[in-house]
């Protein structure tokens, strides 16, 4: 392993230069105008995989953007690690808020990254992170220490919902057969306290419409006598959470996972700091479900939030109307043992039940995703923990994220393997926002850690 780590140190600058070239490719999956750039990026990823030492490298066609596949099978009796990443990126808009070109990567020092960070769209999400795996694989191959089999799937549609991935997995189960999936598309708690993400929340997303009169009405002539859809909708939404921060949808908590006191104690070692939390996002106070810390509220407890609400007149000046319709978009983050189908159904039933007879109600379910959890005594987690502790030289803790990555549940369902979320980003990386960046130390720590994961995972599985 010493030779491998020396190889990484000797090639740091080249690794960075290669990443910079990859970041110059505007592989925006949401905009068809960038179709050629998406294809160019797939070609570039395939070339890097081949150069690193992968066999059977191919650019697999899908109904959407291609998936890049590669593998190195050294002994079928050994475990197989499947590395997942995505080469597509979010649109760069609004361009005017970028301090440098989104596809013109530059390295700049920041307060958080005094050693420098690379500023470009996709630097942290996810090109910089999946590229760590390609370079770690290269280092293991060049120093002849790859301890087990490895496969790669790098897709081009993650930022638009991975619409082709499920079909690809189903059609290629044997080709993708593995013991564990390794993903770097998440973040550390911070650089002082490295973490491995062991949980993600699921999602149920709905749009609601309340309809009152058959047209907008004069609020002076009709006000006080007819239902105002905006008022009604606000009252209905206001009743969804009680004064203890609990969601009032009937049966909402029926299948919520009970997290043990021991696990709650372990997760709270991350030093929940309400004052720093408030200061970072500009708040004077916090709120949420009683009996839980901020860390717990944003990870092991389900939520309900209004993401948008509209109706009536919102232009310049005044227009005194009672609107005909009012709308809202509502998301519910789910925890283990809740399902999007269950929660969406309960929400629809509850919302219909509390709607007054004077209005018409329509609820339209949108997308959803399953929650995911990796137990902190699982060999997959223990290998990641030990690997990162070796690289960082300090204790690594489990961390449950409040976000959602639906592909983790999909992988487990189709391939029967757990995912290890061994991400090296930070919450301050501005992913999906102008001036996205990725710390050079994060990039290099990832490359250093990954070979240790392969080593320890293989040992634990023998």
Protein backbone atom coordinates (compact mmCIF):
# COMPACT_ATOMS: atom_id res chain seq x y z
CA UNK A 1 0.00 0.00 0.00
CA UNK A 2 2.93 2.36 0.60
CA UNK A 3 3.90 2.09 -3.06
CA UNK A 4 0.31 2.88 -4.07
CA UNK A 5 0.15 5.95 -1.85
CA UNK A 6 3.50 7.11 -3.23
CA UNK A 7 2.15 6.71 -6.76
CA UNK A 8 -0.83 8.90 -5.84
CA UNK A 9 1.44 11.60 -4.37
CA UNK A 10 3.72 11.58 -7.42
CA UNK A 11 0.79 11.96 -9.83
CA UNK A 12 -1.37 14.51 -7.98
CA UNK A 13 -0.77 17.30 -10.44
CA UNK A 14 -1.56 15.10 -13.44
CA UNK A 15 -4.75 13.86 -11.76
CA UNK A 16 -5.85 17.46 -11.27
CA UNK A 17 -5.00 18.45 -14.84
CA UNK A 18 -7.01 15.51 -16.20
CA UNK A 19 -9.98 16.44 -14.02
CA UNK A 20 -9.80 20.02 -15.28
CA UNK A 21 -10.05 18.77 -18.88
CA UNK A 22 -13.09 16.65 -17.97
CA UNK A 23 -14.76 19.63 -16.28
CA UNK A 24 -14.40 21.69 -19.45
CA UNK A 25 -16.96 19.45 -21.15
CA UNK A 26 -20.44 20.97 -20.65
CA UNK A 27 -22.28 17.66 -20.16
CA UNK A 28 -25.63 19.19 -19.16
CA UNK A 29 -28.24 16.43 -19.34
CA UNK A 30 -31.30 18.64 -18.81
CA UNK A 31 -30.79 20.69 -21.98
CA UNK A 32 -30.89 18.93 -25.39
CA UNK A 33 -28.65 21.69 -26.76
CA UNK A 34 -25.75 19.99 -24.93
CA UNK A 35 -26.35 16.52 -26.42
CA UNK A 36 -23.01 16.46 -28.23
CA UNK A 37 -21.15 17.52 -25.11
CA UNK A 38 -22.84 14.72 -23.13
CA UNK A 39 -21.66 12.19 -25.74
CA UNK A 40 -18.17 13.71 -25.74
CA UNK A 41 -18.01 13.34 -21.96
CA UNK A 42 -19.01 9.67 -22.13
CA UNK A 43 -16.19 9.14 -24.63
CA UNK A 44 -13.73 10.90 -22.32
CA UNK A 45 -14.78 8.81 -19.31
CA UNK A 46 -14.41 5.60 -21.33
CA UNK A 47 -10.91 6.68 -22.40
CA UNK A 48 -9.89 7.33 -18.79
CA UNK A 49 -11.21 3.92 -17.73
CA UNK A 50 -9.20 2.18 -20.45
CA UNK A 51 -6.05 4.12 -19.59
CA UNK A 52 -6.47 3.22 -15.92
CA UNK A 53 -6.47 -0.49 -16.74
CA UNK A 54 -10.12 -1.51 -17.06
CA UNK A 55 -11.18 -4.29 -19.45
CA UNK A 56 -14.39 -4.61 -21.46
CA UNK A 57 -14.84 -0.84 -21.51
CA UNK A 58 -17.90 0.12 -23.51
CA UNK A 59 -20.29 3.00 -23.98
CA UNK A 60 -23.70 1.38 -23.53
CA UNK A 61 -26.63 2.93 -25.35
CA UNK A 62 -29.87 3.54 -23.49
CA UNK A 63 -33.16 5.27 -24.45
CA UNK A 64 -31.47 8.39 -23.09
CA UNK A 65 -27.81 9.21 -22.49
CA UNK A 66 -25.19 6.45 -22.59
CA UNK A 67 -23.80 4.60 -19.60
CA UNK A 68 -20.06 3.93 -19.47
CA UNK A 69 -19.13 0.44 -18.29
CA UNK A 70 -15.77 -1.11 -17.50
CA UNK A 71 -14.42 -3.88 -15.31
CA UNK A 72 -11.36 -5.67 -14.05
CA UNK A 73 -11.99 -9.27 -13.02
CA UNK A 74 -8.91 -10.77 -11.39
CA UNK A 75 -10.53 -13.82 -9.72
CA UNK A 76 -14.21 -14.74 -9.80
CA UNK A 77 -13.87 -16.23 -6.32
CA UNK A 78 -13.04 -12.79 -4.89
CA UNK A 79 -15.59 -10.11 -3.97
CA UNK A 80 -16.69 -7.61 -6.61
CA UNK A 81 -17.04 -3.89 -5.96
CA UNK A 82 -19.32 -1.96 -8.33
CA UNK A 83 -18.37 1.73 -8.51
CA UNK A 84 -21.22 4.09 -9.49
CA UNK A 85 -20.97 7.72 -10.54
CA UNK A 86 -22.47 10.17 -13.03
CA UNK A 87 -20.79 12.35 -15.64
CA UNK A 88 -23.78 14.61 -16.35
CA UNK A 89 -24.08 17.96 -14.61
CA UNK A 90 -26.72 20.53 -13.70
CA UNK A 91 -27.33 23.56 -15.95
CA UNK A 92 -25.05 26.46 -15.04
CA UNK A 93 -27.79 29.12 -14.86
CA UNK A 94 -27.79 31.83 -13.72
CA UNK A 95 -24.52 32.39 -15.56
CA UNK A 96 -24.15 35.99 -14.39
CA UNK A 97 -23.65 34.86 -10.79
CA UNK A 98 -20.56 32.82 -11.58
CA UNK A 99 -17.28 34.54 -10.70
CA UNK A 100 -15.53 32.48 -13.37
CA UNK A 101 -16.86 30.48 -16.31
CA UNK A 102 -18.79 27.38 -15.19
CA UNK A 103 -16.94 25.30 -17.79
CA UNK A 104 -13.65 27.16 -17.47
CA UNK A 105 -12.22 25.47 -14.34
CA UNK A 106 -9.99 27.52 -12.09
CA UNK A 107 -8.29 26.72 -8.78
CA UNK A 108 -8.71 29.37 -6.11
CA UNK A 109 -7.94 29.51 -2.40
CA UNK A 110 -10.86 30.02 -0.02
CA UNK A 111 -11.30 30.35 3.73
CA UNK A 112 -12.48 26.74 3.94
CA UNK A 113 -9.97 25.53 1.36
CA UNK A 114 -6.68 27.40 1.96
CA UNK A 115 -4.92 24.77 -0.18
CA UNK A 116 -7.27 25.60 -3.05
CA UNK A 117 -10.56 24.46 -4.55
CA UNK A 118 -11.45 23.82 -8.17
CA UNK A 119 -14.38 26.00 -9.30
CA UNK A 120 -16.48 24.56 -12.13
CA UNK A 121 -19.88 23.02 -12.74
CA UNK A 122 -19.65 19.32 -11.84
CA UNK A 123 -16.48 19.69 -9.77
CA UNK A 124 -18.14 18.24 -6.64
CA UNK A 125 -21.28 16.79 -8.24
CA UNK A 126 -20.13 14.40 -9.48
CA UNK A 127 -17.14 14.51 -11.83
CA UNK A 128 -14.60 15.32 -9.16
CA UNK A 129 -15.93 12.56 -6.95
CA UNK A 130 -16.26 9.71 -9.46
CA UNK A 131 -12.89 10.68 -10.97
CA UNK A 132 -11.31 9.87 -7.60
CA UNK A 133 -12.31 6.24 -8.16
CA UNK A 134 -10.76 6.12 -11.62
CA UNK A 135 -7.50 7.50 -10.30
CA UNK A 136 -7.49 5.23 -7.23
CA UNK A 137 -8.11 2.27 -9.54
CA UNK A 138 -5.25 3.42 -11.76
CA UNK A 139 -2.96 3.62 -8.72
CA UNK A 140 -3.91 0.10 -7.62
CA UNK A 141 -3.38 -1.27 -11.11
CA UNK A 142 -0.04 0.46 -11.66
CA UNK A 143 1.28 -0.87 -8.33
CA UNK A 144 -0.28 -4.34 -8.73
CA UNK A 145 -2.30 -4.37 -5.51
CA UNK A 146 -5.92 -4.57 -6.70
CA UNK A 147 -7.26 -7.05 -4.10
CA UNK A 148 -10.63 -7.90 -5.64
CA UNK A 149 -12.76 -7.48 -8.75
CA UNK A 150 -14.12 -4.10 -9.73
CA UNK A 151 -16.80 -2.89 -12.13
CA UNK A 152 -17.76 0.66 -13.08
CA UNK A 153 -21.01 2.20 -14.26
CA UNK A 154 -20.85 5.95 -14.87
CA UNK A 155 -24.19 7.24 -16.11
CA UNK A 156 -25.28 10.41 -17.87
CA UNK A 157 -28.79 11.04 -16.54
CA UNK A 158 -28.54 11.35 -12.76
CA UNK A 159 -29.38 15.05 -12.83
CA UNK A 160 -32.62 14.28 -14.71
CA UNK A 161 -33.75 11.39 -12.53
CA UNK A 162 -31.66 8.45 -13.85
CA UNK A 163 -34.56 7.64 -16.16
CA UNK A 164 -32.71 4.92 -18.09
CA UNK A 165 -30.87 3.33 -15.18
CA UNK A 166 -33.59 0.97 -13.92
CA UNK A 167 -34.02 -0.62 -17.33
CA UNK A 168 -30.25 -0.90 -17.77
CA UNK A 169 -29.91 -2.67 -14.41
CA UNK A 170 -32.73 -5.10 -15.17
CA UNK A 171 -31.28 -5.95 -18.59
CA UNK A 172 -27.72 -6.39 -17.28
CA UNK A 173 -28.11 -8.10 -13.90
CA UNK A 174 -25.48 -10.74 -14.61
CA UNK A 175 -23.06 -8.24 -16.11
CA UNK A 176 -23.39 -5.96 -13.07
CA UNK A 177 -23.44 -8.72 -10.41
CA UNK A 178 -21.50 -7.54 -7.38
CA UNK A 179 -21.15 -7.75 -3.62
CA UNK A 180 -21.27 -4.03 -2.83
CA UNK A 181 -21.84 -0.71 -4.63
CA UNK A 182 -19.41 2.10 -3.85
CA UNK A 183 -20.71 5.64 -4.43
CA UNK A 184 -19.08 9.02 -3.91
CA UNK A 185 -21.88 11.55 -4.46
CA UNK A 186 -22.38 12.72 -0.87
CA UNK A 187 -20.50 14.88 1.59
CA UNK A 188 -18.51 14.76 4.81
CA UNK A 189 -19.92 16.33 7.96
CA UNK A 190 -16.86 18.56 7.78
CA UNK A 191 -13.11 18.17 7.24
CA UNK A 192 -12.44 18.07 10.98
CA UNK A 193 -15.02 15.29 11.46
CA UNK A 194 -15.04 12.86 8.52
CA UNK A 195 -18.12 10.68 8.13
CA UNK A 196 -19.59 7.87 6.09
CA UNK A 197 -23.21 8.41 5.08
CA UNK A 198 -25.27 5.49 6.41
CA UNK A 199 -28.77 6.73 5.75
CA UNK A 200 -30.82 8.71 3.26
CA UNK A 201 -34.41 9.79 3.44
CA UNK A 202 -36.97 8.84 0.84
CA UNK A 203 -39.39 11.20 -0.86
CA UNK A 204 -43.05 11.64 -1.65
CA UNK A 205 -43.85 14.72 -3.76
CA UNK A 206 -47.34 15.97 -4.57
CA UNK A 207 -49.04 18.99 -6.11
CA UNK A 208 -52.39 20.15 -4.77
CA UNK A 209 -55.06 22.34 -6.36
CA UNK A 210 -58.01 23.96 -4.59
CA UNK A 211 -60.76 25.30 -6.83
CA UNK A 212 -63.51 27.63 -5.66
CA UNK A 213 -65.68 29.85 -7.91
CA UNK A 214 -65.75 29.29 -11.65
CA UNK A 215 -63.83 32.53 -12.26
CA UNK A 216 -61.88 35.18 -10.36
CA UNK A 217 -64.35 37.35 -8.41
CA UNK A 218 -64.38 40.98 -7.24
CA UNK A 219 -63.32 40.77 -3.59
CA UNK A 220 -65.59 43.66 -2.62
CA UNK A 221 -68.74 42.31 -4.24
CA UNK A 222 -68.22 38.67 -3.21
CA UNK A 223 -65.82 38.81 -0.26
CA UNK A 224 -67.24 37.31 2.93
CA UNK A 225 -69.80 35.16 1.13
CA UNK A 226 -67.73 32.72 -0.95
CA UNK A 227 -64.75 30.47 -0.23
CA UNK A 228 -61.38 31.95 -1.12
CA UNK A 229 -59.22 29.08 -2.44
CA UNK A 230 -56.00 30.66 -1.17
CA UNK A 231 -57.43 31.10 2.33
CA UNK A 232 -58.77 27.54 2.29
CA UNK A 233 -55.48 26.10 1.05
CA UNK A 234 -53.49 27.99 3.68
CA UNK A 235 -55.80 26.76 6.44
CA UNK A 236 -55.50 23.18 5.21
CA UNK A 237 -51.70 23.37 4.98
CA UNK A 238 -51.51 25.07 8.38
CA UNK A 239 -53.27 22.12 9.96
CA UNK A 240 -50.76 19.56 8.65
CA UNK A 241 -48.24 20.16 11.45
CA UNK A 242 -49.24 20.56 15.11
CA UNK A 243 -47.70 22.75 17.81
CA UNK A 244 -45.28 19.97 18.78
CA UNK A 245 -43.88 19.78 15.25
CA UNK A 246 -45.60 16.48 14.45
CA UNK A 247 -47.31 15.79 11.12
CA UNK A 248 -51.06 15.30 11.53
CA UNK A 249 -51.68 13.13 8.45
CA UNK A 250 -53.52 10.09 9.77
CA UNK A 251 -51.21 7.06 10.03
CA UNK A 252 -48.15 9.04 8.92
CA UNK A 253 -45.90 7.57 11.63
CA UNK A 254 -47.22 4.00 11.49
CA UNK A 255 -44.11 2.49 9.90
CA UNK A 256 -41.41 4.93 11.01
CA UNK A 257 -38.17 3.22 12.03
CA UNK A 258 -37.40 3.30 15.75
CA UNK A 259 -33.75 4.28 16.07
CA UNK A 260 -32.08 2.84 19.15
CA UNK A 261 -30.77 5.03 21.95
CA UNK A 262 -27.28 3.70 21.24
CA UNK A 263 -27.43 4.78 17.59
CA UNK A 264 -28.84 8.17 18.52
CA UNK A 265 -25.99 8.66 20.97
CA UNK A 266 -23.47 7.69 18.29
CA UNK A 267 -24.91 10.06 15.69
CA UNK A 268 -25.00 12.95 18.15
CA UNK A 269 -21.24 12.69 18.60
CA UNK A 270 -21.22 14.94 15.55
CA UNK A 271 -21.73 17.85 17.95
CA UNK A 272 -25.00 19.45 16.98
CA UNK A 273 -24.41 23.21 17.37
CA UNK A 274 -27.73 25.08 17.11
CA UNK A 275 -26.12 28.52 17.36
CA UNK A 276 -23.68 27.87 14.51
CA UNK A 277 -26.49 26.27 12.51
CA UNK A 278 -28.70 29.36 12.92
CA UNK A 279 -25.88 31.73 12.09
CA UNK A 280 -24.92 29.87 8.90
CA UNK A 281 -28.42 30.19 7.40
CA UNK A 282 -29.35 33.54 8.93
CA UNK A 283 -32.03 32.51 11.41
CA UNK A 284 -32.87 33.72 14.90
CA UNK A 285 -34.54 30.49 15.96
CA UNK A 286 -35.10 26.86 15.02
CA UNK A 287 -38.20 24.69 15.13
CA UNK A 288 -39.15 21.09 14.57
CA UNK A 289 -40.45 17.94 16.18
CA UNK A 290 -40.14 17.99 19.96
CA UNK A 291 -37.75 15.56 21.60
CA UNK A 292 -35.16 15.48 18.81
CA UNK A 293 -31.93 17.34 18.10
CA UNK A 294 -31.39 19.27 14.89
CA UNK A 295 -29.23 16.42 13.58
CA UNK A 296 -32.02 13.94 14.29
CA UNK A 297 -34.75 16.13 12.84
CA UNK A 298 -32.85 16.37 9.56
CA UNK A 299 -32.00 12.68 9.26
CA UNK A 300 -33.99 10.07 11.20
CA UNK A 301 -37.37 11.82 11.33
CA UNK A 302 -39.84 12.29 8.45
CA UNK A 303 -40.87 15.78 7.36
CA UNK A 304 -43.53 17.68 5.44
CA UNK A 305 -42.70 20.94 3.70
CA UNK A 306 -44.47 23.28 1.29
CA UNK A 307 -42.05 23.91 -1.57
CA UNK A 308 -44.18 26.43 -3.43
CA UNK A 309 -47.58 28.08 -3.19
CA UNK A 310 -49.36 30.34 -5.67
CA UNK A 311 -52.67 31.69 -6.91
CA UNK A 312 -54.50 34.94 -7.56
CA UNK A 313 -52.83 38.17 -8.58
CA UNK A 314 -49.08 38.55 -7.98
CA UNK A 315 -48.20 41.33 -10.44
CA UNK A 316 -47.34 44.96 -9.82
CA UNK A 317 -49.78 47.10 -7.87
CA UNK A 318 -53.17 45.90 -6.59
CA UNK A 319 -55.91 43.82 -8.08
CA UNK A 320 -58.74 43.02 -5.68
CA UNK A 321 -59.83 39.53 -6.62
CA UNK A 322 -60.87 36.30 -4.97
CA UNK A 323 -58.98 33.81 -7.14
CA UNK A 324 -60.67 30.87 -8.73
CA UNK A 325 -57.82 28.49 -7.88
CA UNK A 326 -54.87 28.08 -5.55
CA UNK A 327 -51.96 25.65 -5.82
CA UNK A 328 -49.12 24.25 -3.74
CA UNK A 329 -46.28 21.79 -4.13
CA UNK A 330 -45.55 19.66 -1.06
CA UNK A 331 -42.67 17.30 -0.36
CA UNK A 332 -42.46 14.70 2.38
CA UNK A 333 -39.09 13.21 3.32
CA UNK A 334 -39.41 9.63 4.44
CA UNK A 335 -37.41 7.39 6.77
CA UNK A 336 -36.84 3.62 6.69
CA UNK A 337 -39.96 1.44 6.51
CA UNK A 338 -42.07 4.25 5.04
CA UNK A 339 -42.72 3.97 1.30
CA UNK A 340 -43.67 6.72 -1.17
CA UNK A 341 -46.79 4.78 -2.17
CA UNK A 342 -47.96 4.44 1.43
CA UNK A 343 -47.32 8.06 2.40
CA UNK A 344 -48.71 9.53 -0.83
CA UNK A 345 -51.90 7.53 -0.33
CA UNK A 346 -52.26 8.63 3.29
CA UNK A 347 -51.64 12.25 2.36
CA UNK A 348 -54.26 12.18 -0.42
CA UNK A 349 -56.86 10.62 1.89
CA UNK A 350 -56.14 13.07 4.69
CA UNK A 351 -56.12 16.15 2.47
CA UNK A 352 -59.45 15.19 0.92
CA UNK A 353 -60.89 14.59 4.38
CA UNK A 354 -59.99 18.07 5.67
CA UNK A 355 -61.12 19.94 2.53
CA UNK A 356 -64.40 21.83 3.05
CA UNK A 357 -67.35 20.87 0.84
CA UNK A 358 -67.38 24.36 -0.64
CA UNK A 359 -64.30 23.74 -2.81
CA UNK A 360 -63.04 21.14 -5.26
CA UNK A 361 -59.73 19.42 -4.51
CA UNK A 362 -57.20 17.79 -6.82
CA UNK A 363 -54.00 16.07 -5.64
CA UNK A 364 -51.43 15.02 -8.25
CA UNK A 365 -48.61 12.72 -7.09
CA UNK A 366 -45.24 13.39 -8.69
CA UNK A 367 -41.99 11.50 -8.21
CA UNK A 368 -40.93 9.61 -5.11
CA UNK A 369 -38.07 7.53 -3.78
CA UNK A 370 -37.38 4.96 -1.10
CA UNK A 371 -35.33 5.70 2.02
CA UNK A 372 -32.08 3.84 2.55
CA UNK A 373 -30.05 2.77 5.56
CA UNK A 374 -26.75 0.91 5.98
CA UNK A 375 -26.26 -0.48 9.47
CA UNK A 376 -23.11 0.74 11.21
CA UNK A 377 -22.06 -2.84 12.02
CA UNK A 378 -22.24 -3.98 8.38
CA UNK A 379 -18.93 -5.02 6.77
CA UNK A 380 -19.49 -2.46 3.99
CA UNK A 381 -19.61 0.37 6.54
CA UNK A 382 -16.76 -1.00 8.65
CA UNK A 383 -14.49 -1.18 5.60
CA UNK A 384 -15.29 2.42 4.65
CA UNK A 385 -14.82 3.63 8.22
CA UNK A 386 -11.45 1.90 8.57
CA UNK A 387 -10.29 3.14 5.16
CA UNK A 388 -11.12 6.77 5.87
CA UNK A 389 -9.64 6.60 9.36
CA UNK A 390 -6.40 5.38 7.77
CA UNK A 391 -6.38 8.30 5.31
CA UNK A 392 -7.61 11.04 7.68
CA UNK A 393 -5.85 9.83 10.83
CA UNK A 394 -8.91 10.38 13.01
CA UNK A 395 -12.18 8.71 14.03
CA UNK A 396 -14.82 8.43 11.32
CA UNK A 397 -18.48 8.48 12.42
CA UNK A 398 -21.69 7.30 10.77
CA UNK A 399 -23.87 10.10 9.40
CA UNK A 400 -27.47 9.99 8.23
CA UNK A 401 -28.21 12.54 5.55
CA UNK A 402 -31.55 14.26 5.12
CA UNK A 403 -31.36 14.10 1.35
CA UNK A 404 -32.53 11.42 -1.06
CA UNK A 405 -30.65 9.27 -3.59
CA UNK A 406 -33.31 6.89 -4.97
CA UNK A 407 -30.77 4.79 -6.88
CA UNK A 408 -29.46 3.27 -3.62
CA UNK A 409 -32.77 1.50 -3.02
CA UNK A 410 -32.93 0.62 -6.72
CA UNK A 411 -29.50 -1.04 -6.59
CA UNK A 412 -30.49 -3.09 -3.57
CA UNK A 413 -33.78 -4.12 -5.16
CA UNK A 414 -32.34 -5.16 -8.54
CA UNK A 415 -28.78 -6.26 -7.74
CA UNK A 416 -29.30 -7.37 -4.13
CA UNK A 417 -26.30 -5.39 -2.89
CA UNK A 418 -25.91 -2.61 -0.35
CA UNK A 419 -24.41 0.76 -1.25
CA UNK A 420 -21.61 2.48 0.63
CA UNK A 421 -21.95 6.27 0.40
CA UNK A 422 -18.34 7.29 0.80
CA UNK A 423 -18.51 10.90 -0.31
CA UNK A 424 -15.85 13.58 0.15
CA UNK A 425 -17.74 16.79 -0.66
CA UNK A 426 -18.82 19.46 1.80
CA UNK A 427 -22.19 21.14 2.30
CA UNK A 428 -20.49 24.42 1.31
CA UNK A 429 -19.53 23.17 -2.17
CA UNK A 430 -22.48 25.02 -3.79
CA UNK A 431 -23.58 22.04 -5.86
CA UNK A 432 -26.46 22.91 -8.23
CA UNK A 433 -25.62 26.59 -7.59
CA UNK A 434 -23.34 29.19 -9.15
CA UNK A 435 -19.66 28.86 -8.17
CA UNK A 436 -19.76 25.14 -7.45
CA UNK A 437 -16.36 24.01 -6.21
CA UNK A 438 -14.48 21.06 -4.77
CA UNK A 439 -11.54 21.26 -2.37
CA UNK A 440 -8.27 19.85 -3.63
CA UNK A 441 -7.64 18.23 -0.25
CA UNK A 442 -11.06 16.53 -0.50
CA UNK A 443 -10.20 15.27 -3.98
CA UNK A 444 -6.85 13.88 -2.89
CA UNK A 445 -8.15 12.40 0.38
CA UNK A 446 -10.73 10.50 -1.63
CA UNK A 447 -8.08 9.01 -3.92
CA UNK A 448 -5.99 8.05 -0.89
CA UNK A 449 -8.93 6.44 0.93
CA UNK A 450 -10.39 4.31 -1.85
CA UNK A 451 -7.56 1.75 -2.14
CA UNK A 452 -7.84 1.15 1.61
CA UNK A 453 -11.57 0.45 1.18
CA UNK A 454 -10.80 -2.24 -1.40
CA UNK A 455 -8.19 -3.76 0.90
CA UNK A 456 -10.33 -3.82 4.06
CA UNK A 457 -13.53 -4.86 2.32
CA UNK A 458 -11.79 -7.83 0.69
CA UNK A 459 -10.35 -8.86 4.06
CA UNK A 460 -13.73 -8.63 5.79
CA UNK A 461 -15.44 -10.69 3.07
CA UNK A 462 -12.92 -13.55 3.05
